């Protein structure tokens, strides 16, 4: 799996790039476990997952710093955008998805994180909150949706795509997308090699679309037909 603690860029407007931040995952401390009502023994059994957390407007970088301070792995996909400044072409970076932060942790760790987030702010709107999976329901509460999680394989594919410094990688919406193939393809050449998704025509070009979850779609740059093949499941 790709490095879970990637941060592919730096704050907007720099015109340059910097090394990816590297985070170290950790098991929650005993005080965190106790106040969250989870024993240390049970916490060690829990599996880490990729949780999708919603970020309040305009605070994605602050949210990332908050999660890093808790020694949890997170990922903020960045968009490498080409602009003209003083007659020169520059590549700047800005958040690709301003409303979502991806955190690799156990359910207990996420609970503690959101609890601390709520207790350490005077703002009316929480910095971070759960993003819920509206396609399923909780077993213990059938009337409620569970927090949305993303599989390791899907996240690995998403990180592979969004870590590429190409200004033609763009976020898109599902409205009016007409896929050219119902089957998934894998890109076999070029800088996007290994990325898999579905072929669509976007902005007048043939591209591959990666859908991480409903409402979160990202398209590659132009991909020639001879650089893709059907993905064998």
Protein backbone atom coordinates (compact mmCIF):
# COMPACT_ATOMS: atom_id res chain seq x y z
CA UNK A 1 0.00 0.00 0.00
CA UNK A 2 1.20 3.52 -0.68
CA UNK A 3 2.62 5.46 2.28
CA UNK A 4 -0.44 6.35 4.32
CA UNK A 5 1.04 9.58 5.62
CA UNK A 6 1.60 11.33 2.31
CA UNK A 7 0.87 15.00 1.88
CA UNK A 8 1.55 15.65 -1.78
CA UNK A 9 2.43 19.31 -1.88
CA UNK A 10 2.57 22.44 0.22
CA UNK A 11 0.32 25.44 0.92
CA UNK A 12 -1.21 27.31 -2.02
CA UNK A 13 0.72 29.89 -3.95
CA UNK A 14 4.31 28.86 -3.36
CA UNK A 15 5.10 27.88 -6.92
CA UNK A 16 7.32 25.06 -5.71
CA UNK A 17 7.09 21.71 -4.01
CA UNK A 18 8.36 20.23 -0.81
CA UNK A 19 8.97 16.71 0.50
CA UNK A 20 5.96 14.77 1.70
CA UNK A 21 5.28 15.00 5.40
CA UNK A 22 5.83 11.71 7.16
CA UNK A 23 3.72 10.81 10.15
CA UNK A 24 4.03 7.99 12.64
CA UNK A 25 0.98 6.02 13.64
CA UNK A 26 0.45 5.09 17.25
CA UNK A 27 -1.96 3.28 19.52
CA UNK A 28 -4.03 5.62 21.72
CA UNK A 29 -2.49 6.35 25.13
CA UNK A 30 -4.06 4.76 28.19
CA UNK A 31 -5.75 8.00 29.31
CA UNK A 32 -7.41 8.35 25.90
CA UNK A 33 -8.62 4.76 26.02
CA UNK A 34 -9.99 5.13 29.51
CA UNK A 35 -11.97 8.28 28.83
CA UNK A 36 -13.29 6.76 25.63
CA UNK A 37 -14.52 3.70 27.51
CA UNK A 38 -12.27 1.26 25.67
CA UNK A 39 -9.81 -1.06 27.34
CA UNK A 40 -6.21 -1.18 26.13
CA UNK A 41 -6.62 -4.85 25.33
CA UNK A 42 -9.59 -4.20 23.03
CA UNK A 43 -7.91 -1.20 21.44
CA UNK A 44 -4.97 -3.38 20.37
CA UNK A 45 -7.32 -5.83 18.66
CA UNK A 46 -9.03 -3.13 16.61
CA UNK A 47 -8.00 -2.77 13.00
CA UNK A 48 -7.04 0.55 11.52
CA UNK A 49 -9.15 1.78 8.62
CA UNK A 50 -9.31 4.79 6.34
CA UNK A 51 -12.01 7.06 7.78
CA UNK A 52 -13.45 9.91 5.73
CA UNK A 53 -13.86 12.96 7.96
CA UNK A 54 -15.70 16.11 6.98
CA UNK A 55 -13.78 19.36 7.46
CA UNK A 56 -15.49 22.68 8.14
CA UNK A 57 -15.15 25.22 5.34
CA UNK A 58 -11.70 26.63 4.64
CA UNK A 59 -9.92 24.74 7.43
CA UNK A 60 -8.38 21.72 5.74
CA UNK A 61 -4.76 22.66 6.55
CA UNK A 62 -5.67 23.39 10.18
CA UNK A 63 -7.45 20.03 10.38
CA UNK A 64 -4.41 18.23 8.97
CA UNK A 65 -2.15 19.87 11.57
CA UNK A 66 -4.56 18.90 14.35
CA UNK A 67 -4.54 15.24 13.29
CA UNK A 68 -0.74 15.22 12.90
CA UNK A 69 -0.39 16.54 16.45
CA UNK A 70 -2.26 13.41 17.61
CA UNK A 71 0.30 11.21 15.81
CA UNK A 72 -2.30 9.75 13.47
CA UNK A 73 -1.72 9.04 9.80
CA UNK A 74 -3.69 11.23 7.42
CA UNK A 75 -3.80 12.19 3.78
CA UNK A 76 -4.63 15.52 2.14
CA UNK A 77 -4.72 15.24 -1.66
CA UNK A 78 -3.37 18.37 -3.33
CA UNK A 79 -4.02 19.75 -6.78
CA UNK A 80 -1.06 20.99 -8.81
CA UNK A 81 -2.45 23.93 -10.76
CA UNK A 82 -0.74 25.88 -13.53
CA UNK A 83 -1.08 29.68 -13.39
CA UNK A 84 0.49 32.71 -15.06
CA UNK A 85 2.26 35.18 -12.76
CA UNK A 86 4.29 38.13 -14.02
CA UNK A 87 4.35 36.53 -17.45
CA UNK A 88 5.72 33.23 -16.17
CA UNK A 89 4.06 29.84 -15.83
CA UNK A 90 4.03 28.56 -12.25
CA UNK A 91 2.70 25.40 -10.66
CA UNK A 92 0.97 26.07 -7.34
CA UNK A 93 -0.65 23.59 -5.00
CA UNK A 94 -4.05 23.80 -3.39
CA UNK A 95 -6.32 21.23 -1.70
CA UNK A 96 -7.98 19.00 -4.27
CA UNK A 97 -10.91 18.26 -1.95
CA UNK A 98 -11.57 21.05 0.55
CA UNK A 99 -14.24 19.23 2.54
CA UNK A 100 -12.60 15.86 3.27
CA UNK A 101 -9.66 14.60 5.31
CA UNK A 102 -8.64 10.93 5.22
CA UNK A 103 -7.40 9.48 8.51
CA UNK A 104 -5.96 5.97 8.98
CA UNK A 105 -6.87 4.89 12.51
CA UNK A 106 -9.01 2.61 14.64
CA UNK A 107 -12.60 3.47 15.48
CA UNK A 108 -11.56 4.23 19.06
CA UNK A 109 -8.78 6.55 17.94
CA UNK A 110 -11.21 8.44 15.71
CA UNK A 111 -13.65 8.74 18.61
CA UNK A 112 -10.95 10.24 20.82
CA UNK A 113 -9.81 12.54 18.00
CA UNK A 114 -13.28 13.97 17.44
CA UNK A 115 -13.87 14.28 21.18
CA UNK A 116 -10.62 16.25 21.59
CA UNK A 117 -11.49 18.32 18.54
CA UNK A 118 -14.83 19.26 20.07
CA UNK A 119 -13.32 20.07 23.49
CA UNK A 120 -10.45 22.16 22.12
CA UNK A 121 -12.42 24.69 20.13
CA UNK A 122 -14.57 27.71 20.86
CA UNK A 123 -16.01 27.74 17.34
CA UNK A 124 -19.67 27.00 16.81
CA UNK A 125 -18.88 24.55 14.03
CA UNK A 126 -16.62 21.57 14.71
CA UNK A 127 -13.33 21.43 12.83
CA UNK A 128 -13.84 17.72 12.07
CA UNK A 129 -16.85 15.43 12.07
CA UNK A 130 -17.84 12.03 10.73
CA UNK A 131 -18.88 11.70 7.10
CA UNK A 132 -21.53 9.00 7.04
CA UNK A 133 -22.08 6.14 4.62
CA UNK A 134 -25.60 6.76 3.32
CA UNK A 135 -25.65 3.46 1.43
CA UNK A 136 -25.73 1.25 4.54
CA UNK A 137 -27.05 1.11 8.09
CA UNK A 138 -25.58 0.25 11.47
CA UNK A 139 -26.34 -3.23 12.82
CA UNK A 140 -26.86 -1.90 16.34
CA UNK A 141 -29.01 1.03 15.16
CA UNK A 142 -30.78 0.25 11.86
CA UNK A 143 -32.12 3.79 11.59
CA UNK A 144 -28.61 5.28 11.53
CA UNK A 145 -25.79 5.29 8.99
CA UNK A 146 -22.26 4.19 9.95
CA UNK A 147 -19.18 6.40 9.49
CA UNK A 148 -17.80 6.09 5.97
CA UNK A 149 -14.59 4.08 5.58
CA UNK A 150 -12.58 3.34 2.44
CA UNK A 151 -10.77 0.08 1.73
CA UNK A 152 -6.98 0.00 1.70
CA UNK A 153 -6.90 -0.99 -1.98
CA UNK A 154 -9.22 1.84 -3.04
CA UNK A 155 -7.24 4.35 -0.98
CA UNK A 156 -3.97 3.08 -2.41
CA UNK A 157 -5.28 3.67 -5.94
CA UNK A 158 -6.52 7.15 -4.97
CA UNK A 159 -3.19 8.10 -3.38
CA UNK A 160 -1.32 6.78 -6.41
CA UNK A 161 -3.33 9.08 -8.69
CA UNK A 162 -3.44 12.22 -6.55
CA UNK A 163 0.27 12.07 -5.67
CA UNK A 164 1.22 12.70 -9.30
CA UNK A 165 2.24 16.31 -9.94
CA UNK A 166 0.17 16.87 -13.06
CA UNK A 167 -1.97 20.04 -13.42
CA UNK A 168 -4.50 18.16 -15.58
CA UNK A 169 -5.70 15.93 -12.71
CA UNK A 170 -9.08 17.39 -11.78
CA UNK A 171 -11.96 16.73 -9.37
CA UNK A 172 -15.25 16.14 -11.16
CA UNK A 173 -18.90 15.55 -10.35
CA UNK A 174 -20.93 12.51 -11.36
CA UNK A 175 -23.46 14.66 -13.22
CA UNK A 176 -23.54 14.07 -16.98
CA UNK A 177 -20.54 11.69 -17.00
CA UNK A 178 -20.84 9.22 -19.82
CA UNK A 179 -18.50 6.31 -19.30
CA UNK A 180 -17.07 4.73 -22.44
CA UNK A 181 -16.60 1.35 -20.77
CA UNK A 182 -18.61 -0.34 -18.04
CA UNK A 183 -15.55 -2.33 -17.01
CA UNK A 184 -12.60 -0.93 -15.10
CA UNK A 185 -9.32 -0.42 -16.89
CA UNK A 186 -5.76 -0.19 -15.63
CA UNK A 187 -3.31 2.31 -17.09
CA UNK A 188 -0.29 0.47 -18.45
CA UNK A 189 2.07 3.27 -19.42
CA UNK A 190 3.11 6.85 -18.73
CA UNK A 191 3.10 8.67 -15.40
CA UNK A 192 -0.33 7.25 -14.44
CA UNK A 193 0.77 3.62 -14.80
CA UNK A 194 -0.96 1.33 -12.30
CA UNK A 195 -3.95 3.63 -11.69
CA UNK A 196 -7.28 1.95 -12.36
CA UNK A 197 -10.74 3.36 -12.95
CA UNK A 198 -13.35 3.83 -15.68
CA UNK A 199 -12.88 5.52 -19.04
CA UNK A 200 -14.84 8.70 -19.76
CA UNK A 201 -14.62 11.72 -22.03
CA UNK A 202 -14.06 14.84 -19.92
CA UNK A 203 -13.16 18.33 -21.13
CA UNK A 204 -12.94 16.92 -24.65
CA UNK A 205 -10.37 14.28 -23.73
CA UNK A 206 -10.32 10.57 -22.96
CA UNK A 207 -9.47 10.17 -19.30
CA UNK A 208 -9.72 7.59 -16.53
CA UNK A 209 -12.01 8.41 -13.62
CA UNK A 210 -11.29 7.15 -10.11
CA UNK A 211 -14.33 7.15 -7.82
CA UNK A 212 -13.34 6.77 -4.18
CA UNK A 213 -16.92 7.02 -2.89
CA UNK A 214 -20.18 8.58 -4.02
CA UNK A 215 -19.47 12.26 -4.67
CA UNK A 216 -15.67 11.91 -4.68
CA UNK A 217 -14.40 11.49 -8.23
CA UNK A 218 -11.05 12.49 -9.71
CA UNK A 219 -10.01 12.30 -13.37
CA UNK A 220 -6.55 11.73 -14.80
CA UNK A 221 -5.05 13.74 -17.64
CA UNK A 222 -5.54 12.46 -21.22
CA UNK A 223 -4.80 8.74 -21.56
CA UNK A 224 -4.18 7.22 -25.04
CA UNK A 225 -6.10 4.06 -25.85
CA UNK A 226 -2.91 2.01 -26.20
CA UNK A 227 -1.91 2.86 -22.62
CA UNK A 228 -4.81 1.07 -20.93
CA UNK A 229 -6.21 -2.43 -20.70
CA UNK A 230 -9.19 -4.07 -19.06
CA UNK A 231 -8.60 -4.74 -15.39
CA UNK A 232 -8.78 -8.43 -14.57
CA UNK A 233 -10.73 -8.94 -11.36
